[in-house]
N, C-alpha and C. Protein backbone atom coordinates (compact mmCIF):
# COMPACT_ATOMS: atom_id res chain seq x y z
N MET A 1 0.64 -1.10 0.06
CA MET A 1 -0.02 0.12 -0.05
C MET A 1 0.85 1.32 0.03
N THR A 2 0.44 2.18 -0.83
CA THR A 2 1.21 3.56 -0.84
C THR A 2 0.77 4.51 0.12
N ARG A 3 1.48 5.52 0.38
CA ARG A 3 1.16 6.62 1.18
C ARG A 3 -0.16 7.35 0.52
N ALA A 4 -0.33 7.41 -0.63
CA ALA A 4 -1.63 8.09 -1.22
C ALA A 4 -2.79 7.03 -1.00
N GLU A 5 -2.60 5.58 -1.30
CA GLU A 5 -3.69 4.76 -1.03
C GLU A 5 -4.02 4.74 0.39
N LEU A 6 -3.10 4.97 1.49
CA LEU A 6 -3.54 4.87 2.88
C LEU A 6 -4.40 6.22 3.07
N ALA A 7 -3.77 7.26 2.42
CA ALA A 7 -4.59 8.63 2.61
C ALA A 7 -5.99 8.47 2.32
N ALA A 8 -6.15 7.75 1.02
CA ALA A 8 -7.45 7.69 0.60
C ALA A 8 -8.29 6.90 1.61
N GLN A 9 -7.88 5.86 2.21
CA GLN A 9 -8.61 5.02 3.14
C GLN A 9 -8.89 5.84 4.31
N LEU A 10 -8.05 6.39 4.77
CA LEU A 10 -7.96 7.18 6.12
C LEU A 10 -8.87 8.33 6.10
N ALA A 11 -8.96 9.06 4.83
CA ALA A 11 -9.94 10.00 4.67
C ALA A 11 -11.35 9.59 4.76
N GLN A 12 -11.60 8.49 4.51
CA GLN A 12 -13.29 7.78 4.60
C GLN A 12 -13.49 7.78 6.11
N LEU A 13 -12.44 7.66 7.07
CA LEU A 13 -13.03 7.59 8.43
C LEU A 13 -13.50 8.77 8.84
N THR A 14 -14.56 8.68 9.85
CA THR A 14 -15.23 9.77 10.41
C THR A 14 -14.67 10.25 11.83
N ILE A 15 -13.60 9.40 12.19
CA ILE A 15 -12.99 9.52 13.35
C ILE A 15 -11.85 10.36 13.32
N THR A 16 -11.74 11.34 14.19
CA THR A 16 -10.70 12.37 14.21
C THR A 16 -10.34 12.76 15.56
N ASN A 17 -9.07 13.09 15.56
CA ASN A 17 -8.56 13.73 17.00
C ASN A 17 -8.95 15.25 16.94
N SER A 18 -9.82 15.58 17.58
CA SER A 18 -10.33 16.86 17.68
C SER A 18 -9.23 17.96 17.81
N ALA A 19 -8.03 17.56 18.37
CA ALA A 19 -7.10 18.57 18.30
C ALA A 19 -6.49 18.87 17.17
N HIS A 20 -6.78 18.08 16.33
CA HIS A 20 -5.90 18.28 14.83
C HIS A 20 -6.95 18.95 13.90
N VAL A 21 -8.22 18.76 14.06
CA VAL A 21 -9.24 19.10 13.11
C VAL A 21 -9.07 20.68 12.64
N SER A 22 -9.35 21.62 13.65
CA SER A 22 -9.51 22.91 13.28
C SER A 22 -8.12 23.72 13.69
N SER A 23 -7.41 23.25 14.59
CA SER A 23 -6.25 24.13 14.97
C SER A 23 -5.12 23.24 15.37
N SER A 24 -4.06 23.87 15.39
CA SER A 24 -2.84 23.13 15.83
C SER A 24 -2.66 23.15 17.36
N ASN A 25 -1.82 22.61 18.04
CA ASN A 25 -1.58 22.56 19.42
C ASN A 25 -1.36 24.06 19.94
N THR A 26 -1.07 25.05 18.97
CA THR A 26 -0.64 26.45 19.40
C THR A 26 -2.01 27.29 19.36
N GLY A 27 -3.24 26.60 18.83
CA GLY A 27 -4.29 27.33 18.47
C GLY A 27 -4.44 28.08 17.18
N GLN A 28 -3.39 27.93 16.49
CA GLN A 28 -3.36 28.60 15.07
C GLN A 28 -4.05 27.66 14.13
N ALA A 29 -4.93 28.18 13.11
CA ALA A 29 -5.45 27.50 12.03
C ALA A 29 -4.50 26.62 11.36
N ILE A 30 -4.87 25.35 11.08
CA ILE A 30 -4.01 24.55 10.17
C ILE A 30 -4.12 24.98 8.84
N PRO A 31 -3.04 25.23 8.03
CA PRO A 31 -3.11 25.53 6.71
C PRO A 31 -3.51 24.37 5.86
N ASN A 32 -4.05 24.67 4.71
CA ASN A 32 -4.08 23.66 3.64
C ASN A 32 -2.88 23.19 3.24
N PRO A 33 -2.48 21.87 3.30
CA PRO A 33 -1.12 21.48 2.96
C PRO A 33 -0.84 21.60 1.61
N SER A 34 0.46 21.85 1.19
CA SER A 34 0.81 21.94 -0.10
C SER A 34 2.12 21.25 -0.28
N TYR A 35 2.00 20.30 -1.13
CA TYR A 35 3.30 19.36 -1.18
C TYR A 35 3.75 19.64 -2.67
N ARG A 36 5.08 19.66 -2.89
CA ARG A 36 5.67 19.82 -4.18
C ARG A 36 5.42 18.64 -5.27
N ASP A 37 5.07 17.52 -4.55
CA ASP A 37 5.00 16.25 -5.43
C ASP A 37 3.48 15.84 -5.56
N VAL A 38 2.64 16.70 -5.02
CA VAL A 38 1.20 16.30 -5.02
C VAL A 38 0.32 17.69 -5.72
N ASP A 39 0.12 17.66 -6.95
CA ASP A 39 -0.63 18.90 -7.59
C ASP A 39 -2.10 18.49 -7.53
N PRO A 40 -2.91 19.56 -7.52
CA PRO A 40 -4.30 19.59 -7.35
C PRO A 40 -4.95 18.64 -8.35
N GLN A 41 -4.23 18.10 -9.40
CA GLN A 41 -4.86 17.09 -10.24
C GLN A 41 -4.60 15.74 -9.81
N HIS A 42 -3.71 15.66 -8.97
CA HIS A 42 -3.40 14.20 -8.52
C HIS A 42 -4.56 13.57 -8.01
N TRP A 43 -4.89 12.25 -8.17
CA TRP A 43 -5.97 11.52 -7.74
C TRP A 43 -6.24 11.51 -6.26
N ALA A 44 -5.25 11.65 -5.37
CA ALA A 44 -5.36 11.46 -4.00
C ALA A 44 -5.10 12.97 -3.27
N TYR A 45 -5.27 13.97 -4.19
CA TYR A 45 -5.15 15.42 -3.61
C TYR A 45 -5.97 15.67 -2.49
N ARG A 46 -7.09 15.46 -2.68
CA ARG A 46 -8.18 15.87 -1.47
C ARG A 46 -7.86 14.83 -0.39
N PRO A 47 -7.85 13.48 -0.47
CA PRO A 47 -7.82 12.74 0.62
C PRO A 47 -6.39 13.10 1.40
N ILE A 48 -5.47 13.34 0.75
CA ILE A 48 -4.07 13.67 1.40
C ILE A 48 -4.19 15.05 2.26
N GLN A 49 -4.97 15.97 1.72
CA GLN A 49 -5.20 17.19 2.33
C GLN A 49 -6.06 16.80 3.67
N SER A 50 -7.05 15.84 3.59
CA SER A 50 -7.82 15.65 4.58
C SER A 50 -7.10 15.00 5.72
N VAL A 51 -6.23 14.10 5.59
CA VAL A 51 -5.54 13.24 6.51
C VAL A 51 -4.48 14.02 7.17
N VAL A 52 -3.97 14.97 6.37
CA VAL A 52 -2.80 15.93 7.00
C VAL A 52 -3.60 16.73 7.95
N GLN A 53 -4.72 17.31 7.58
CA GLN A 53 -5.42 18.23 8.44
C GLN A 53 -6.12 17.51 9.59
N THR A 54 -6.47 16.24 9.67
CA THR A 54 -7.01 15.55 10.85
C THR A 54 -5.94 14.94 11.57
N GLY A 55 -4.58 15.04 11.16
CA GLY A 55 -3.57 14.59 11.97
C GLY A 55 -3.02 13.11 11.73
N TYR A 56 -3.60 12.38 10.76
CA TYR A 56 -3.27 10.97 10.59
C TYR A 56 -1.96 10.89 9.96
N MET A 57 -1.64 11.77 8.95
CA MET A 57 -0.32 11.82 8.28
C MET A 57 0.25 13.04 8.15
N THR A 58 1.51 13.08 7.85
CA THR A 58 2.33 14.33 7.56
C THR A 58 3.31 14.28 6.37
N GLY A 59 3.62 15.38 5.89
CA GLY A 59 4.63 15.30 4.86
C GLY A 59 5.90 15.22 5.28
N TYR A 60 6.84 15.27 4.53
CA TYR A 60 8.35 15.28 4.94
C TYR A 60 8.91 16.62 4.91
N PRO A 61 9.97 16.78 5.70
CA PRO A 61 10.70 18.22 5.88
C PRO A 61 10.95 18.86 4.61
N ASP A 62 11.28 18.17 3.54
CA ASP A 62 11.66 18.65 2.26
C ASP A 62 10.48 19.21 1.51
N GLY A 63 9.24 19.19 2.01
CA GLY A 63 8.25 19.72 1.38
C GLY A 63 7.42 18.75 0.47
N SER A 64 7.90 17.29 0.68
CA SER A 64 7.12 16.41 -0.37
C SER A 64 6.20 15.52 0.52
N PHE A 65 5.34 14.94 -0.04
CA PHE A 65 4.44 13.93 0.65
C PHE A 65 4.71 12.52 0.25
N ARG A 66 5.38 12.33 -0.94
CA ARG A 66 5.69 11.05 -1.44
C ARG A 66 4.52 10.10 -1.58
N PRO A 67 3.44 10.41 -2.45
CA PRO A 67 2.43 9.68 -2.41
C PRO A 67 2.52 8.21 -2.80
N ASP A 68 3.53 8.09 -3.76
CA ASP A 68 3.82 6.85 -4.31
C ASP A 68 4.74 5.82 -3.45
N GLN A 69 5.15 6.18 -2.31
CA GLN A 69 6.01 5.50 -1.57
C GLN A 69 5.27 4.50 -0.78
N PRO A 70 5.81 3.10 -0.91
CA PRO A 70 5.07 2.07 -0.20
C PRO A 70 5.28 2.31 1.40
N LEU A 71 4.30 1.70 2.16
CA LEU A 71 4.46 2.01 3.49
C LEU A 71 4.77 0.63 4.35
N THR A 72 5.56 0.72 5.44
CA THR A 72 5.85 -0.43 6.28
C THR A 72 4.52 -0.57 7.18
N ARG A 73 4.50 -1.69 7.97
CA ARG A 73 3.57 -1.97 8.77
C ARG A 73 3.63 -0.80 9.92
N LEU A 74 4.89 -0.48 10.36
CA LEU A 74 5.02 0.49 11.44
C LEU A 74 4.56 1.76 10.81
N GLN A 75 4.84 2.22 9.76
CA GLN A 75 4.37 3.60 9.33
C GLN A 75 2.83 3.64 9.43
N VAL A 76 2.13 2.58 9.05
CA VAL A 76 0.57 2.61 9.10
C VAL A 76 0.23 2.67 10.59
N VAL A 77 1.01 1.98 11.53
CA VAL A 77 0.56 2.06 12.78
C VAL A 77 0.75 3.47 13.33
N VAL A 78 1.90 3.87 13.13
CA VAL A 78 2.18 5.29 13.58
C VAL A 78 1.12 6.39 13.09
N SER A 79 0.66 6.29 11.79
CA SER A 79 -0.40 7.10 11.34
C SER A 79 -1.57 7.00 11.99
N LEU A 80 -2.17 5.64 12.33
CA LEU A 80 -3.26 5.51 13.06
C LEU A 80 -3.30 6.01 14.42
N VAL A 81 -2.14 5.78 15.11
CA VAL A 81 -1.88 6.25 16.47
C VAL A 81 -2.03 7.85 16.67
N ARG A 82 -1.22 8.34 15.65
CA ARG A 82 -1.29 9.81 15.59
C ARG A 82 -2.59 10.50 15.31
N GLY A 83 -3.27 9.89 14.37
CA GLY A 83 -4.68 10.31 14.04
C GLY A 83 -5.64 10.36 15.09
N LEU A 84 -5.38 9.14 15.89
CA LEU A 84 -6.31 9.02 17.08
C LEU A 84 -6.09 9.79 18.38
N GLY A 85 -4.60 10.12 18.31
CA GLY A 85 -4.17 10.72 19.67
C GLY A 85 -3.91 9.89 20.58
N LEU A 86 -3.59 8.65 20.34
CA LEU A 86 -3.35 7.52 21.32
C LEU A 86 -2.10 7.74 22.08
N LYS A 87 -2.24 7.54 23.27
CA LYS A 87 -0.83 7.58 24.35
C LYS A 87 -0.83 6.09 24.92
N GLY A 88 0.17 5.46 25.00
CA GLY A 88 0.34 4.15 25.57
C GLY A 88 0.37 4.45 27.03
N GLN A 89 -0.16 3.45 27.68
CA GLN A 89 -0.34 3.41 29.28
C GLN A 89 1.10 2.86 29.87
N SER A 90 1.95 2.12 29.19
CA SER A 90 3.09 1.43 29.60
C SER A 90 4.24 1.80 28.83
N HIS A 91 5.43 1.52 29.32
CA HIS A 91 6.74 1.86 28.73
C HIS A 91 6.82 0.83 27.39
N ALA A 92 7.21 1.56 26.34
CA ALA A 92 7.21 0.71 25.03
C ALA A 92 7.97 -0.54 25.26
N ALA A 93 9.20 -0.62 26.01
CA ALA A 93 10.09 -1.69 26.17
C ALA A 93 9.16 -2.97 26.64
N GLN A 94 8.29 -2.46 27.73
CA GLN A 94 7.52 -3.62 28.41
C GLN A 94 6.53 -4.22 27.56
N VAL A 95 5.85 -3.41 26.79
CA VAL A 95 4.80 -3.85 25.79
C VAL A 95 5.47 -4.67 24.71
N LEU A 96 6.57 -4.36 24.32
CA LEU A 96 7.35 -5.00 23.08
C LEU A 96 7.97 -6.37 23.51
N LYS A 97 8.32 -6.40 24.87
CA LYS A 97 9.03 -7.48 25.29
C LYS A 97 8.55 -8.95 24.83
N PRO A 98 7.29 -9.31 24.67
CA PRO A 98 7.00 -10.73 24.12
C PRO A 98 7.30 -10.98 22.81
N TYR A 99 7.82 -9.95 21.92
CA TYR A 99 7.92 -10.09 20.57
C TYR A 99 9.37 -10.41 20.16
N GLU A 100 9.75 -11.55 19.53
CA GLU A 100 10.96 -11.83 19.34
C GLU A 100 11.79 -10.84 18.49
N ASP A 101 11.06 -10.12 17.58
CA ASP A 101 11.82 -9.05 16.81
C ASP A 101 11.63 -7.74 17.15
N ARG A 102 11.47 -7.48 18.63
CA ARG A 102 11.37 -6.27 19.17
C ARG A 102 12.49 -5.21 18.86
N GLN A 103 13.72 -5.74 18.59
CA GLN A 103 14.85 -5.03 18.25
C GLN A 103 14.97 -4.41 17.04
N ASN A 104 13.92 -4.75 16.20
CA ASN A 104 13.63 -4.24 14.92
C ASN A 104 12.88 -3.04 14.74
N VAL A 105 12.24 -2.75 15.92
CA VAL A 105 11.42 -1.73 16.05
C VAL A 105 12.14 -0.24 16.29
N PRO A 106 12.27 0.68 15.49
CA PRO A 106 13.09 1.83 15.39
C PRO A 106 12.43 2.58 16.71
N ASP A 107 13.40 3.51 17.24
CA ASP A 107 13.01 4.36 18.38
C ASP A 107 11.85 5.17 17.96
N TRP A 108 11.67 5.74 16.78
CA TRP A 108 10.70 6.80 16.55
C TRP A 108 9.34 6.12 16.34
N GLY A 109 9.22 4.97 16.24
CA GLY A 109 7.98 4.11 16.20
C GLY A 109 7.42 3.21 17.36
N ALA A 110 8.52 3.18 18.40
CA ALA A 110 8.32 2.14 19.51
C ALA A 110 7.13 2.49 20.45
N GLN A 111 6.77 3.85 20.73
CA GLN A 111 5.73 4.16 21.67
C GLN A 111 4.56 4.09 20.89
N ALA A 112 4.59 4.43 19.60
CA ALA A 112 3.21 4.31 18.91
C ALA A 112 2.90 2.83 18.74
N LEU A 113 3.84 2.07 18.49
CA LEU A 113 3.51 0.56 18.31
C LEU A 113 2.92 -0.08 19.60
N ALA A 114 3.57 0.48 20.70
CA ALA A 114 3.14 -0.18 22.12
C ALA A 114 1.65 0.44 22.32
N ALA A 115 1.36 1.72 22.01
CA ALA A 115 0.08 2.21 22.22
C ALA A 115 -0.95 1.36 21.28
N ALA A 116 -0.51 1.20 20.04
CA ALA A 116 -1.46 0.52 19.24
C ALA A 116 -1.62 -1.06 19.65
N LEU A 117 -0.50 -1.71 20.24
CA LEU A 117 -0.82 -3.09 20.73
C LEU A 117 -1.65 -3.09 22.01
N GLU A 118 -1.44 -1.93 22.82
CA GLU A 118 -2.25 -1.82 23.94
C GLU A 118 -3.80 -1.68 23.68
N ALA A 119 -3.95 -0.85 22.65
CA ALA A 119 -5.40 -0.69 22.09
C ALA A 119 -5.96 -1.76 21.42
N GLY A 120 -5.13 -2.76 21.11
CA GLY A 120 -5.74 -3.96 20.18
C GLY A 120 -5.69 -3.57 18.74
N LEU A 121 -5.21 -2.33 18.36
CA LEU A 121 -5.30 -1.91 16.96
C LEU A 121 -4.33 -3.00 15.99
N VAL A 122 -3.47 -3.65 16.68
CA VAL A 122 -2.44 -4.38 15.63
C VAL A 122 -2.07 -5.59 16.57
N THR A 123 -1.68 -6.74 15.99
CA THR A 123 -1.20 -7.81 16.74
C THR A 123 0.09 -8.37 15.91
N GLY A 124 0.60 -9.36 16.51
CA GLY A 124 1.74 -9.87 15.79
C GLY A 124 1.41 -10.25 14.22
N ARG A 125 2.42 -10.57 13.52
CA ARG A 125 2.26 -10.82 12.09
C ARG A 125 1.30 -12.04 12.01
N PRO A 126 0.50 -12.11 10.95
CA PRO A 126 -0.48 -13.44 10.81
C PRO A 126 0.49 -14.48 10.56
N GLY A 127 0.45 -15.61 11.24
CA GLY A 127 1.02 -16.86 11.16
C GLY A 127 2.21 -16.95 12.22
N SER A 128 2.43 -15.75 12.99
CA SER A 128 3.52 -15.88 13.87
C SER A 128 3.15 -14.69 14.93
N SER A 129 2.45 -14.96 15.92
CA SER A 129 1.90 -14.00 16.75
C SER A 129 3.25 -13.42 17.62
N SER A 130 4.27 -13.91 17.56
CA SER A 130 5.61 -13.48 18.15
C SER A 130 6.39 -12.70 17.21
N GLN A 131 5.96 -12.31 16.14
CA GLN A 131 6.76 -11.48 15.30
C GLN A 131 6.04 -10.39 14.95
N LEU A 132 6.53 -9.04 14.98
CA LEU A 132 5.93 -7.82 14.51
C LEU A 132 6.18 -7.41 13.23
N GLU A 133 7.35 -7.79 12.56
CA GLU A 133 7.88 -7.30 11.39
C GLU A 133 7.49 -5.78 11.06
N PRO A 134 8.05 -4.96 11.89
CA PRO A 134 7.63 -3.52 11.72
C PRO A 134 7.99 -2.97 10.26
N SER A 135 9.13 -3.58 9.81
CA SER A 135 9.83 -3.12 8.44
C SER A 135 9.20 -3.70 7.26
N ALA A 136 8.43 -4.70 7.38
CA ALA A 136 7.67 -5.38 6.29
C ALA A 136 6.71 -4.50 5.69
N LEU A 137 6.76 -4.34 4.33
CA LEU A 137 5.70 -3.61 3.57
C LEU A 137 4.24 -3.94 4.07
N ALA A 138 3.37 -3.07 4.22
CA ALA A 138 1.93 -3.22 4.68
C ALA A 138 1.18 -3.75 3.26
N THR A 139 0.48 -4.74 3.62
CA THR A 139 -0.48 -5.22 2.54
C THR A 139 -1.73 -4.41 2.84
N ARG A 140 -2.49 -4.50 1.81
CA ARG A 140 -3.83 -3.85 1.87
C ARG A 140 -4.76 -4.57 2.82
N ALA A 141 -4.59 -5.80 2.87
CA ALA A 141 -5.38 -6.72 3.96
C ALA A 141 -4.99 -6.14 5.25
N GLU A 142 -3.62 -6.20 5.75
CA GLU A 142 -3.16 -5.86 6.89
C GLU A 142 -3.65 -4.38 7.37
N VAL A 143 -3.68 -3.39 6.32
CA VAL A 143 -4.25 -2.07 6.52
C VAL A 143 -5.66 -2.08 6.91
N MET A 144 -6.46 -2.92 6.13
CA MET A 144 -7.85 -2.96 6.39
C MET A 144 -8.24 -3.67 7.75
N ALA A 145 -7.30 -4.56 7.92
CA ALA A 145 -7.57 -5.35 9.43
C ALA A 145 -7.24 -4.20 10.48
N MET A 146 -6.36 -3.24 10.24
CA MET A 146 -5.87 -2.36 11.39
C MET A 146 -7.14 -1.21 11.27
N VAL A 147 -7.46 -0.92 10.10
CA VAL A 147 -8.64 0.18 10.02
C VAL A 147 -9.85 -0.42 10.85
N HIS A 148 -10.18 -1.62 10.48
CA HIS A 148 -11.38 -2.32 11.22
C HIS A 148 -11.21 -2.21 12.82
N ALA A 149 -10.00 -2.54 13.19
CA ALA A 149 -9.63 -2.40 14.70
C ALA A 149 -9.82 -1.18 15.17
N VAL A 150 -9.30 0.01 14.46
CA VAL A 150 -9.65 1.34 14.92
C VAL A 150 -11.11 1.50 14.96
N LEU A 151 -12.03 1.20 14.04
CA LEU A 151 -13.46 1.26 14.08
C LEU A 151 -14.08 0.41 15.44
N VAL A 152 -13.58 -0.66 15.56
CA VAL A 152 -13.94 -1.32 16.81
C VAL A 152 -13.55 -0.55 18.10
N TYR A 153 -12.41 -0.19 18.22
CA TYR A 153 -11.70 0.45 19.20
C TYR A 153 -12.51 1.79 19.66
N THR A 154 -13.13 2.47 18.55
CA THR A 154 -13.85 3.83 18.74
C THR A 154 -15.37 3.45 18.89
N GLY A 155 -15.70 2.32 18.98
CA GLY A 155 -17.25 1.90 18.80
C GLY A 155 -18.01 2.16 17.69
N GLU A 156 -17.33 2.44 16.51
CA GLU A 156 -18.08 2.65 15.19
C GLU A 156 -18.69 1.13 14.80
N LEU A 157 -17.79 0.11 14.87
CA LEU A 157 -18.15 -1.01 14.68
C LEU A 157 -18.23 -2.05 15.71
N LYS A 158 -18.90 -3.23 15.73
CA LYS A 158 -18.79 -4.25 16.84
C LYS A 158 -17.78 -5.09 16.18
N PRO A 159 -17.18 -5.83 17.38
CA PRO A 159 -16.19 -6.65 16.93
C PRO A 159 -16.66 -8.02 16.29
N ILE A 160 -15.76 -8.63 15.36
CA ILE A 160 -16.28 -9.72 14.65
C ILE A 160 -16.00 -10.96 15.66
N ALA A 161 -17.04 -11.79 15.70
CA ALA A 161 -16.90 -13.06 16.74
C ALA A 161 -16.01 -13.87 16.23
N GLN A 162 -15.05 -14.40 17.06
CA GLN A 162 -13.97 -15.44 16.75
C GLN A 162 -14.49 -16.73 16.86
N PRO A 163 -14.22 -17.59 15.80
CA PRO A 163 -14.86 -19.13 15.62
C PRO A 163 -14.22 -19.74 16.94
């Protein structure tokens, strides 16, 4: 899944972190984002603007959004946690301890991943509950499972009964 495809999916969500919707943390209005690599004719222009304004995603310091860049599982998790404004209750190292590949989680995403695990938004890699594979490219199926978990977490959907 690419950044533009994730933006298109997340823009469909009605769940927002109200701190991001109309103003930044300083109380200033959030400007419409403008990225040098996303012109107004780009198919994901509006979804990208939406997810940046609601806090799910951000651009890069060089002024780009990189809409065609594939996403890792960890990048998707960070976007969801950021958009929901989730804060983990425990120290990341403690939450990640059961996972064999915890050393592969970069510092910049450890706390977000821990918060997502605590909230039930993500689990270990399918087929290996002891592996997170944070650097693996995210599949559409994995992203949709995470989005479903977000909707369950926020009460928008009921959980699917497990057989």
